[in-house]
């Protein structure tokens, strides 16, 4: 990453985030303004088309309920996580990380299989397969981006309406930029995350990204990504010319690119306030946490005894006891010792 900075952004809002310029942006210097605008337009149009495809948009409430209940999290905790964020609901960070890894693995393997199939025909058939191959890659990238973001505290990106607003596309573009390894996207994501977190806490409308002082850098990011995706399409075409080899090349590139990019995004999301700070003003205090934990224990403890054949004992917080019970049920491995009446403290 280039050590130069384009100044401190949003200082008036108390954020003071410096947005660095990637050395990768150097290739934009030789591009005319018209070419840069065209690249921006290409990326936005491409992302809109991907976002409109069936199965791309992830329903946040349904996703969180499905994943958390599948791991044995009590329904009251799940509903509170949907209403706020998983960390606000007191869900164990280790459990969230484990779900994130499973999501990346599932979506990556699914995309790799489709990419391999799309790359098999080779030769003249590539005219029809390349758009589908590239598109399915970004379909799964979009799905991973949303799922990881929701796990780590972001709110719904897409509403029920058919069209996608520019603000959402800009946010998704920054997430995609992080996946693609564009360093300045990390800095911009941090600023967006802080603005979004404050908007949720204060229940105010989010600020238009076009009105921020770092919007020019966002436009550069869009141009760079548009050019990069265009080049990826050309390179993908070359890989499919050799019959029989195209599928292997396509599948390998998809697996490496999507898995590494997803892991990169996951690391970045884990560092943001949404993943680490409870939303203030939600009324979720220690006494509420204990009350929710008691309900979780009432459900999980009988199931634990039935499954493992003994009454568990744990010396620690009631919340951690509930976590251990639920983790035991989810993994099939007892995380608690048996109660021994002969042992006195």
Protein backbone atom coordinates (compact mmCIF):
# COMPACT_ATOMS: atom_id res chain seq x y z
CA UNK A 1 0.00 0.00 0.00
CA UNK A 2 1.22 3.47 -0.84
CA UNK A 3 2.24 5.40 2.27
CA UNK A 4 0.70 8.61 0.97
CA UNK A 5 -2.59 9.71 2.47
CA UNK A 6 -5.34 11.79 0.99
CA UNK A 7 -5.97 13.61 4.26
CA UNK A 8 -8.04 12.90 7.29
CA UNK A 9 -11.66 12.35 6.41
CA UNK A 10 -14.80 13.27 8.30
CA UNK A 11 -12.88 14.95 11.12
CA UNK A 12 -15.88 17.15 11.77
CA UNK A 13 -17.82 14.02 12.65
CA UNK A 14 -15.20 12.90 15.13
CA UNK A 15 -14.04 9.96 13.01
CA UNK A 16 -10.66 11.26 11.86
CA UNK A 17 -10.03 8.33 9.52
CA UNK A 18 -7.17 8.65 7.05
CA UNK A 19 -7.86 7.10 3.67
CA UNK A 20 -4.68 5.76 2.00
CA UNK A 21 -4.09 5.56 -1.73
CA UNK A 22 -3.30 2.08 -3.03
CA UNK A 23 -0.26 1.71 -5.22
CA UNK A 24 -2.59 -0.35 -7.41
CA UNK A 25 -4.40 2.87 -8.29
CA UNK A 26 -1.29 3.96 -10.19
CA UNK A 27 -2.66 2.27 -13.29
CA UNK A 28 -5.56 4.73 -13.27
CA UNK A 29 -3.23 7.65 -13.98
CA UNK A 30 -3.06 6.84 -17.67
CA UNK A 31 -6.82 6.56 -18.01
CA UNK A 32 -8.87 9.46 -19.27
CA UNK A 33 -11.76 10.83 -17.24
CA UNK A 34 -14.13 9.32 -19.76
CA UNK A 35 -12.57 5.87 -19.31
CA UNK A 36 -12.78 6.16 -15.53
CA UNK A 37 -16.44 7.16 -15.66
CA UNK A 38 -17.11 4.26 -18.03
CA UNK A 39 -15.39 1.85 -15.64
CA UNK A 40 -17.51 3.16 -12.75
CA UNK A 41 -20.66 2.80 -14.81
CA UNK A 42 -19.69 -0.73 -15.84
CA UNK A 43 -19.17 -1.82 -12.21
CA UNK A 44 -22.44 -0.32 -10.96
CA UNK A 45 -24.43 -1.81 -13.85
CA UNK A 46 -22.77 -5.18 -13.34
CA UNK A 47 -23.48 -5.15 -9.60
CA UNK A 48 -27.11 -4.14 -10.19
CA UNK A 49 -27.57 -7.07 -12.56
CA UNK A 50 -26.00 -9.47 -10.07
CA UNK A 51 -28.10 -8.11 -7.20
CA UNK A 52 -31.30 -8.67 -9.19
CA UNK A 53 -30.58 -12.35 -9.81
CA UNK A 54 -32.60 -14.93 -7.93
CA UNK A 55 -30.92 -16.21 -4.79
CA UNK A 56 -28.44 -13.35 -4.44
CA UNK A 57 -30.19 -11.35 -1.75
CA UNK A 58 -29.98 -12.82 1.72
CA UNK A 59 -32.92 -12.25 4.03
CA UNK A 60 -31.17 -11.13 7.23
CA UNK A 61 -33.80 -12.23 9.79
CA UNK A 62 -34.28 -15.63 8.12
CA UNK A 63 -30.53 -16.18 7.80
CA UNK A 64 -29.73 -15.31 11.42
CA UNK A 65 -32.63 -17.35 12.78
CA UNK A 66 -31.67 -20.37 10.68
CA UNK A 67 -27.96 -20.35 11.51
CA UNK A 68 -28.25 -19.51 15.21
CA UNK A 69 -31.10 -21.92 15.95
CA UNK A 70 -29.21 -24.65 14.09
CA UNK A 71 -26.37 -24.13 16.57
CA UNK A 72 -28.74 -24.52 19.52
CA UNK A 73 -28.99 -20.85 20.51
CA UNK A 74 -32.13 -20.16 22.50
CA UNK A 75 -34.97 -18.62 20.50
CA UNK A 76 -35.20 -15.58 22.79
CA UNK A 77 -31.52 -14.83 22.21
CA UNK A 78 -31.94 -15.40 18.48
CA UNK A 79 -34.82 -12.95 18.27
CA UNK A 80 -32.85 -10.35 20.20
CA UNK A 81 -29.91 -10.86 17.81
CA UNK A 82 -32.23 -10.31 14.84
CA UNK A 83 -33.66 -7.19 16.45
CA UNK A 84 -30.20 -5.80 17.27
CA UNK A 85 -26.93 -7.63 16.47
CA UNK A 86 -25.46 -11.00 17.50
CA UNK A 87 -22.85 -9.39 19.78
CA UNK A 88 -25.51 -7.20 21.40
CA UNK A 89 -27.49 -10.37 22.15
CA UNK A 90 -24.45 -11.79 23.95
CA UNK A 91 -23.79 -14.60 21.47
CA UNK A 92 -20.35 -16.15 21.88
CA UNK A 93 -17.77 -14.76 19.45
CA UNK A 94 -16.32 -18.22 18.92
CA UNK A 95 -19.70 -19.48 17.75
CA UNK A 96 -20.07 -16.56 15.32
CA UNK A 97 -16.59 -17.24 13.92
CA UNK A 98 -17.40 -20.92 13.46
CA UNK A 99 -20.58 -20.12 11.54
CA UNK A 100 -18.59 -17.67 9.37
CA UNK A 101 -16.05 -20.36 8.46
CA UNK A 102 -18.82 -22.81 7.57
CA UNK A 103 -20.50 -20.21 5.35
CA UNK A 104 -17.28 -19.45 3.48
CA UNK A 105 -16.61 -23.16 3.00
CA UNK A 106 -20.13 -23.89 1.75
CA UNK A 107 -20.42 -20.98 -0.69
CA UNK A 108 -16.85 -21.43 -1.99
CA UNK A 109 -17.31 -25.13 -2.73
CA UNK A 110 -20.64 -24.45 -4.43
CA UNK A 111 -19.16 -21.69 -6.60
CA UNK A 112 -16.08 -23.79 -7.44
CA UNK A 113 -18.25 -26.65 -8.68
CA UNK A 114 -20.28 -24.35 -10.91
CA UNK A 115 -17.13 -22.66 -12.18
CA UNK A 116 -15.57 -26.00 -13.07
CA UNK A 117 -18.69 -27.02 -14.99
CA UNK A 118 -18.82 -23.69 -16.82
CA UNK A 119 -15.18 -24.04 -17.85
CA UNK A 120 -15.46 -27.52 -19.36
CA UNK A 121 -16.75 -26.86 -22.91
CA UNK A 122 -13.76 -24.77 -24.07
CA UNK A 123 -13.23 -23.46 -27.59
CA UNK A 124 -16.18 -21.86 -29.30
CA UNK A 125 -18.54 -22.57 -26.40
CA UNK A 126 -16.72 -20.01 -24.30
CA UNK A 127 -18.85 -17.25 -25.83
CA UNK A 128 -21.80 -18.55 -23.87
CA UNK A 129 -20.07 -19.75 -20.73
CA UNK A 130 -17.87 -16.82 -19.75
CA UNK A 131 -20.68 -14.42 -18.70
CA UNK A 132 -22.31 -17.19 -16.65
CA UNK A 133 -19.02 -18.19 -15.05
CA UNK A 134 -18.04 -14.67 -14.06
CA UNK A 135 -21.56 -13.90 -12.89
CA UNK A 136 -21.87 -16.98 -10.68
CA UNK A 137 -18.56 -16.12 -9.03
CA UNK A 138 -19.89 -12.72 -8.00
CA UNK A 139 -23.26 -14.17 -7.08
CA UNK A 140 -21.52 -16.23 -4.42
CA UNK A 141 -19.27 -13.32 -3.47
CA UNK A 142 -22.41 -11.22 -2.87
CA UNK A 143 -23.96 -14.00 -0.80
CA UNK A 144 -20.83 -14.37 1.33
CA UNK A 145 -20.53 -10.60 1.79
CA UNK A 146 -24.08 -10.33 3.11
CA UNK A 147 -23.92 -13.38 5.36
CA UNK A 148 -20.63 -12.36 6.96
CA UNK A 149 -21.81 -8.78 7.39
CA UNK A 150 -25.02 -9.89 9.11
CA UNK A 151 -23.11 -12.21 11.45
CA UNK A 152 -20.79 -9.38 12.42
CA UNK A 153 -23.49 -6.85 13.19
CA UNK A 154 -24.56 -5.15 9.94
CA UNK A 155 -28.21 -4.43 9.22
CA UNK A 156 -30.19 -5.36 6.10
CA UNK A 157 -28.67 -4.26 2.79
CA UNK A 158 -31.51 -5.08 0.41
CA UNK A 159 -35.17 -4.29 0.96
CA UNK A 160 -38.07 -6.08 -0.69
CA UNK A 161 -38.22 -3.71 -3.67
CA UNK A 162 -36.85 -4.89 -7.01
CA UNK A 163 -34.48 -1.97 -7.60
CA UNK A 164 -31.25 -1.40 -5.68
CA UNK A 165 -30.39 2.08 -4.45
CA UNK A 166 -26.95 3.54 -5.12
CA UNK A 167 -26.07 3.83 -1.43
CA UNK A 168 -26.43 0.07 -0.99
CA UNK A 169 -24.38 -0.58 -4.11
CA UNK A 170 -21.62 1.71 -2.89
CA UNK A 171 -21.48 -0.14 0.43
CA UNK A 172 -21.45 -3.51 -1.32
CA UNK A 173 -18.74 -2.25 -3.68
CA UNK A 174 -16.54 -1.37 -0.71
CA UNK A 175 -17.11 -4.84 0.79
CA UNK A 176 -16.23 -6.34 -2.59
CA UNK A 177 -13.14 -4.12 -2.73
CA UNK A 178 -12.00 -5.61 0.58
CA UNK A 179 -12.49 -9.10 -0.84
CA UNK A 180 -10.46 -8.14 -3.90
CA UNK A 181 -7.61 -6.94 -1.72
CA UNK A 182 -7.85 -3.22 -2.45
CA UNK A 183 -6.28 -1.74 0.67
CA UNK A 184 -8.06 1.61 0.60
CA UNK A 185 -11.37 -0.26 0.70
CA UNK A 186 -10.49 -1.32 4.26
CA UNK A 187 -10.21 2.29 5.37
CA UNK A 188 -13.44 3.28 3.65
CA UNK A 189 -15.24 0.31 5.17
CA UNK A 190 -14.17 1.48 8.63
CA UNK A 191 -15.68 4.92 8.02
CA UNK A 192 -18.91 3.46 6.61
CA UNK A 193 -19.14 1.05 9.54
CA UNK A 194 -18.84 3.83 12.12
CA UNK A 195 -21.45 5.94 10.35
CA UNK A 196 -23.79 2.96 10.08
CA UNK A 197 -23.31 2.01 13.74
CA UNK A 198 -24.08 5.54 14.89
CA UNK A 199 -27.16 5.66 12.65
CA UNK A 200 -28.52 2.46 14.21
CA UNK A 201 -27.81 3.61 17.76
CA UNK A 202 -29.39 7.02 17.24
CA UNK A 203 -32.14 5.70 14.95
CA UNK A 204 -31.34 8.32 12.31
CA UNK A 205 -31.06 8.05 8.56
CA UNK A 206 -27.63 7.12 7.26
CA UNK A 207 -25.60 9.78 5.52
CA UNK A 208 -25.48 9.74 1.73
CA UNK A 209 -22.08 8.49 0.65
CA UNK A 210 -22.05 10.99 -2.20
CA UNK A 211 -21.99 13.79 0.37
CA UNK A 212 -18.94 12.54 2.29
CA UNK A 213 -15.56 14.19 1.88
CA UNK A 214 -13.99 10.92 0.76
CA UNK A 215 -16.48 10.29 -2.07
CA UNK A 216 -13.79 11.08 -4.71
CA UNK A 217 -11.75 8.17 -3.35
CA UNK A 218 -14.82 5.95 -3.53
CA UNK A 219 -15.19 6.85 -7.22
CA UNK A 220 -11.55 5.88 -7.79
CA UNK A 221 -12.20 2.59 -6.06
CA UNK A 222 -15.19 1.93 -8.33
CA UNK A 223 -13.11 2.72 -11.42
CA UNK A 224 -10.30 0.43 -10.35
CA UNK A 225 -12.68 -2.44 -9.59
CA UNK A 226 -14.52 -1.95 -12.89
CA UNK A 227 -11.25 -2.19 -14.80
CA UNK A 228 -10.14 -5.20 -12.78
CA UNK A 229 -13.37 -7.12 -13.40
CA UNK A 230 -13.14 -6.34 -17.12
CA UNK A 231 -9.61 -7.75 -17.20
CA UNK A 232 -10.77 -10.79 -15.25
CA UNK A 233 -13.36 -11.49 -17.93
CA UNK A 234 -10.70 -11.39 -20.66
CA UNK A 235 -8.33 -13.58 -18.67
CA UNK A 236 -11.11 -16.06 -17.98
CA UNK A 237 -11.75 -16.34 -21.70
CA UNK A 238 -8.13 -17.27 -22.35
CA UNK A 239 -8.28 -20.00 -19.74
CA UNK A 240 -11.20 -21.73 -21.45
CA UNK A 241 -9.71 -22.01 -24.93
CA UNK A 242 -7.99 -25.33 -24.15
CA UNK A 243 -10.64 -28.06 -24.12
CA UNK A 244 -10.71 -30.04 -20.86
CA UNK A 245 -8.23 -27.76 -19.13
CA UNK A 246 -10.53 -24.76 -18.88
CA UNK A 247 -12.69 -26.36 -16.17
CA UNK A 248 -9.69 -27.13 -13.97
CA UNK A 249 -8.24 -23.64 -14.37
CA UNK A 250 -11.59 -21.96 -13.80
CA UNK A 251 -12.39 -24.05 -10.75
CA UNK A 252 -8.97 -23.54 -9.18
CA UNK A 253 -9.02 -19.78 -9.73
CA UNK A 254 -12.53 -19.56 -8.30
CA UNK A 255 -11.64 -21.59 -5.20
CA UNK A 256 -8.47 -19.64 -4.44
CA UNK A 257 -9.93 -16.23 -5.21
CA UNK A 258 -13.21 -16.66 -3.35
CA UNK A 259 -11.79 -18.44 -0.30
CA UNK A 260 -8.92 -15.97 0.19
CA UNK A 261 -11.13 -12.96 -0.48
CA UNK A 262 -13.79 -14.20 1.92
CA UNK A 263 -11.24 -14.80 4.67
CA UNK A 264 -9.85 -11.31 4.07
CA UNK A 265 -13.31 -9.75 4.39
CA UNK A 266 -14.07 -11.82 7.48
CA UNK A 267 -10.92 -10.56 9.24
CA UNK A 268 -11.80 -6.97 8.42
CA UNK A 269 -15.44 -7.24 9.54
CA UNK A 270 -14.35 -8.73 12.88
CA UNK A 271 -12.38 -5.57 13.64
CA UNK A 272 -15.31 -3.18 13.12
CA UNK A 273 -17.52 -1.76 15.87
CA UNK A 274 -20.58 -3.73 14.75
CA UNK A 275 -18.79 -6.97 15.61
CA UNK A 276 -17.45 -5.86 18.98
CA UNK A 277 -19.70 -3.22 20.52
CA UNK A 278 -23.23 -3.65 21.78
CA UNK A 279 -25.73 -1.17 20.47
CA UNK A 280 -26.29 1.39 23.24
CA UNK A 281 -29.80 2.07 24.44
CA UNK A 282 -31.10 -1.46 23.75
CA UNK A 283 -31.78 -2.12 27.43
CA UNK A 284 -29.62 -5.22 27.41
CA UNK A 285 -27.81 -5.03 30.73
CA UNK A 286 -26.23 -7.66 32.94
CA UNK A 287 -29.50 -8.53 34.67
CA UNK A 288 -31.19 -9.01 31.29
CA UNK A 289 -28.28 -11.18 30.14
CA UNK A 290 -28.68 -13.42 33.19
CA UNK A 291 -32.44 -13.66 32.65
CA UNK A 292 -31.96 -14.71 29.03
CA UNK A 293 -29.25 -17.19 30.07
CA UNK A 294 -31.65 -18.75 32.61
CA UNK A 295 -34.20 -19.34 29.85
CA UNK A 296 -31.49 -20.89 27.67
CA UNK A 297 -30.49 -23.23 30.50
CA UNK A 298 -34.09 -24.27 31.12
CA UNK A 299 -34.22 -25.52 27.54
CA UNK A 300 -30.69 -26.84 27.06
CA UNK A 301 -30.03 -28.56 30.40
CA UNK A 302 -32.73 -31.28 30.07
CA UNK A 303 -31.56 -31.96 26.49
CA UNK A 304 -27.96 -32.24 27.72
CA UNK A 305 -28.92 -34.75 30.44
CA UNK A 306 -30.92 -36.80 27.94
CA UNK A 307 -28.10 -36.78 25.37
CA UNK A 308 -25.07 -37.41 27.60
CA UNK A 309 -26.69 -39.30 30.47
CA UNK A 310 -25.49 -37.22 33.38
CA UNK A 311 -26.30 -34.00 35.23
CA UNK A 312 -23.68 -31.35 34.46
CA UNK A 313 -21.97 -29.04 36.90
CA UNK A 314 -20.18 -25.79 36.19
CA UNK A 315 -18.52 -23.22 38.43
CA UNK A 316 -18.70 -19.89 36.67
CA UNK A 317 -21.13 -17.37 35.27
CA UNK A 318 -24.64 -18.42 34.35
CA UNK A 319 -24.09 -17.11 30.83
CA UNK A 320 -21.00 -19.25 30.29
CA UNK A 321 -22.88 -22.28 31.64
CA UNK A 322 -25.61 -21.69 29.05
CA UNK A 323 -22.95 -21.33 26.34
CA UNK A 324 -21.33 -24.63 27.36
CA UNK A 325 -24.66 -26.45 27.33
CA UNK A 326 -25.57 -25.18 23.87
CA UNK A 327 -22.09 -25.82 22.48
CA UNK A 328 -22.25 -29.41 23.77
CA UNK A 329 -25.57 -29.99 22.04
CA UNK A 330 -24.31 -28.41 18.81
CA UNK A 331 -21.01 -30.34 18.62
CA UNK A 332 -22.08 -33.64 20.21
CA UNK A 333 -19.17 -33.39 22.67
CA UNK A 334 -19.82 -32.77 26.34
CA UNK A 335 -18.20 -29.50 27.41
CA UNK A 336 -19.19 -29.92 31.07
CA UNK A 337 -18.26 -32.36 33.83
CA UNK A 338 -20.71 -34.60 35.67
CA UNK A 339 -22.13 -33.43 38.98
CA UNK A 340 -20.42 -35.16 41.92
CA UNK A 341 -22.19 -34.73 45.30
CA UNK A 342 -19.07 -35.96 47.14
CA UNK A 343 -17.04 -32.99 45.93
CA UNK A 344 -17.38 -29.97 48.22
CA UNK A 345 -15.93 -26.53 47.70
